[in-house]
Amino acid sequence: MSGWKVELTRPAQRDLRRLDPQIERRVRAALGRLQQEPLAGDVRKLAGQTDEWRLRVGDWRVRFTRDTEHKLISVIRILPRGRAYRD
């Protein structure tokens, strides 16, 4: 499976800009792997959510949705573990 498109929402873009450069590189690399294989890495479906997933990158969590029909991954937020699941 390849050719998935990864889009970041405005809050996710802001989250990414605020990361330390080293963590930002790790998150970008993880998103690149996710683009090649949507379930690559430490990916889990969130309980109680219709189609929301999370990717673990160290102490950071990338929350996203997948549209399998359009091969689109939409990143919702990039947050530290302690804040990632609060609504």
C-alpha atoms as a PDB file:
ATOM      1  CA  MET A   1       0.000   0.000   0.000  1.00  0.00           C
ATOM      2  CA  SER A   2       1.430   3.380  -0.951  1.00  0.00           C
ATOM      3  CA  GLY A   3       0.366   6.756  -2.192  1.00  0.00           C
ATOM      4  CA  TRP A   4      -1.569   7.899   0.849  1.00  0.00           C
ATOM      5  CA  LYS A   5      -1.815  11.655   1.282  1.00  0.00           C
ATOM      6  CA  VAL A   6      -1.215  13.165   4.734  1.00  0.00           C
ATOM      7  CA  GLU A   7      -2.936  16.472   5.510  1.00  0.00           C
ATOM      8  CA  LEU A   8      -2.493  18.442   8.711  1.00  0.00           C
ATOM      9  CA  THR A   9      -5.354  20.489  10.140  1.00  0.00           C
ATOM     10  CA  ARG A  10      -4.544  24.027  11.271  1.00  0.00           C
ATOM     11  CA  PRO A  11      -4.251  22.947  14.935  1.00  0.00           C
ATOM     12  CA  ALA A  12      -1.909  20.104  13.902  1.00  0.00           C
ATOM     13  CA  GLN A  13       0.227  22.517  11.851  1.00  0.00           C
ATOM     14  CA  ARG A  14       0.464  24.791  14.887  1.00  0.00           C
ATOM     15  CA  ASP A  15       1.338  21.825  17.133  1.00  0.00           C
ATOM     16  CA  LEU A  16       4.112  20.770  14.736  1.00  0.00           C
ATOM     17  CA  ARG A  17       5.617  24.281  14.587  1.00  0.00           C
ATOM     18  CA  ARG A  18       5.763  24.433  18.386  1.00  0.00           C
ATOM     19  CA  LEU A  19       7.751  21.208  18.780  1.00  0.00           C
ATOM     20  CA  ASP A  20      11.459  21.126  19.556  1.00  0.00           C
ATOM     21  CA  PRO A  21      13.415  20.592  16.296  1.00  0.00           C
ATOM     22  CA  GLN A  22      14.497  17.059  17.270  1.00  0.00           C
ATOM     23  CA  ILE A  23      10.946  15.971  18.120  1.00  0.00           C
ATOM     24  CA  GLU A  24       9.625  17.684  14.989  1.00  0.00           C
ATOM     25  CA  ARG A  25      12.025  15.609  12.858  1.00  0.00           C
ATOM     26  CA  ARG A  26      10.868  12.399  14.567  1.00  0.00           C
ATOM     27  CA  VAL A  27       7.196  13.273  14.041  1.00  0.00           C
ATOM     28  CA  ARG A  28       7.789  14.186  10.371  1.00  0.00           C
ATOM     29  CA  ALA A  29       9.645  10.890   9.830  1.00  0.00           C
ATOM     30  CA  ALA A  30       6.783   8.975  11.469  1.00  0.00           C
ATOM     31  CA  LEU A  31       4.265  10.790   9.238  1.00  0.00           C
ATOM     32  CA  GLY A  32       6.362   9.850   6.196  1.00  0.00           C
ATOM     33  CA  ARG A  33       6.219   6.190   7.223  1.00  0.00           C
ATOM     34  CA  LEU A  34       2.488   6.536   7.837  1.00  0.00           C
ATOM     35  CA  GLN A  35       2.112   7.911   4.313  1.00  0.00           C
ATOM     36  CA  GLN A  36       3.708   4.754   2.890  1.00  0.00           C
ATOM     37  CA  GLU A  37       1.845   2.322   5.174  1.00  0.00           C
ATOM     38  CA  PRO A  38      -1.140   3.774   7.116  1.00  0.00           C
ATOM     39  CA  LEU A  39      -0.834   1.309   9.986  1.00  0.00           C
ATOM     40  CA  ALA A  40       2.964   1.420  10.265  1.00  0.00           C
ATOM     41  CA  GLY A  41       4.507   1.997  13.670  1.00  0.00           C
ATOM     42  CA  ASP A  42       2.653   2.094  16.946  1.00  0.00           C
ATOM     43  CA  VAL A  43      -0.821   2.854  15.562  1.00  0.00           C
ATOM     44  CA  ARG A  44      -4.024   2.059  17.428  1.00  0.00           C
ATOM     45  CA  LYS A  45      -7.670   2.838  16.923  1.00  0.00           C
ATOM     46  CA  LEU A  46      -9.017   4.997  19.731  1.00  0.00           C
ATOM     47  CA  ALA A  47     -11.758   3.420  21.814  1.00  0.00           C
ATOM     48  CA  GLY A  48     -15.112   5.117  21.591  1.00  0.00           C
ATOM     49  CA  GLN A  49     -14.199   6.994  18.423  1.00  0.00           C
ATOM     50  CA  THR A  50     -15.776   6.235  15.070  1.00  0.00           C
ATOM     51  CA  ASP A  51     -12.651   6.425  12.931  1.00  0.00           C
ATOM     52  CA  GLU A  52      -9.991   8.144  14.991  1.00  0.00           C
ATOM     53  CA  TRP A  53      -6.523   6.667  15.374  1.00  0.00           C
ATOM     54  CA  ARG A  54      -3.354   7.570  17.212  1.00  0.00           C
ATOM     55  CA  LEU A  55       0.310   7.168  16.317  1.00  0.00           C
ATOM     56  CA  ARG A  56       2.778   7.063  19.199  1.00  0.00           C
ATOM     57  CA  VAL A  57       6.059   8.925  18.660  1.00  0.00           C
ATOM     58  CA  GLY A  58       7.900   8.643  21.975  1.00  0.00           C
ATOM     59  CA  ASP A  59       5.945  10.698  24.522  1.00  0.00           C
ATOM     60  CA  TRP A  60       3.968  12.406  21.749  1.00  0.00           C
ATOM     61  CA  ARG A  61       0.701  11.312  20.164  1.00  0.00           C
ATOM     62  CA  VAL A  62      -0.430  12.054  16.624  1.00  0.00           C
ATOM     63  CA  ARG A  63      -4.226  11.822  16.401  1.00  0.00           C
ATOM     64  CA  PHE A  64      -5.623  11.256  12.921  1.00  0.00           C
ATOM     65  CA  THR A  65      -8.477   9.926  10.822  1.00  0.00           C
ATOM     66  CA  ARG A  66      -8.217   7.729   7.728  1.00  0.00           C
ATOM     67  CA  ASP A  67     -10.296   7.908   4.559  1.00  0.00           C
ATOM     68  CA  THR A  68      -9.573   4.607   2.834  1.00  0.00           C
ATOM     69  CA  GLU A  69     -11.646   5.484  -0.237  1.00  0.00           C
ATOM     70  CA  HIS A  70      -9.545   8.579  -1.008  1.00  0.00           C
ATOM     71  CA  LYS A  71      -6.343   7.285   0.645  1.00  0.00           C
ATOM     72  CA  LEU A  72      -6.245  10.352   2.889  1.00  0.00           C
ATOM     73  CA  ILE A  73      -4.871  10.650   6.404  1.00  0.00           C
ATOM     74  CA  SER A  74      -6.002  13.794   8.205  1.00  0.00           C
ATOM     75  CA  VAL A  75      -3.859  14.680  11.227  1.00  0.00           C
ATOM     76  CA  ILE A  76      -6.031  16.307  13.881  1.00  0.00           C
ATOM     77  CA  ARG A  77      -3.519  17.102  16.649  1.00  0.00           C
ATOM     78  CA  ILE A  78       0.056  16.400  17.752  1.00  0.00           C
ATOM     79  CA  LEU A  79       0.168  16.518  21.544  1.00  0.00           C
ATOM     80  CA  PRO A  80       2.106  15.146  24.503  1.00  0.00           C
ATOM     81  CA  ARG A  81       0.709  11.915  25.904  1.00  0.00           C
ATOM     82  CA  GLY A  82      -0.874  13.586  28.930  1.00  0.00           C
ATOM     83  CA  ARG A  83      -2.933  16.030  26.835  1.00  0.00           C
ATOM     84  CA  ALA A  84      -3.615  13.957  23.733  1.00  0.00           C
ATOM     85  CA  TYR A  85      -6.870  12.359  24.843  1.00  0.00           C
ATOM     86  CA  ARG A  86      -8.610  15.254  26.607  1.00  0.00           C
ATOM     87  CA  ASP A  87     -11.560  16.798  24.824  1.00  0.00           C
END
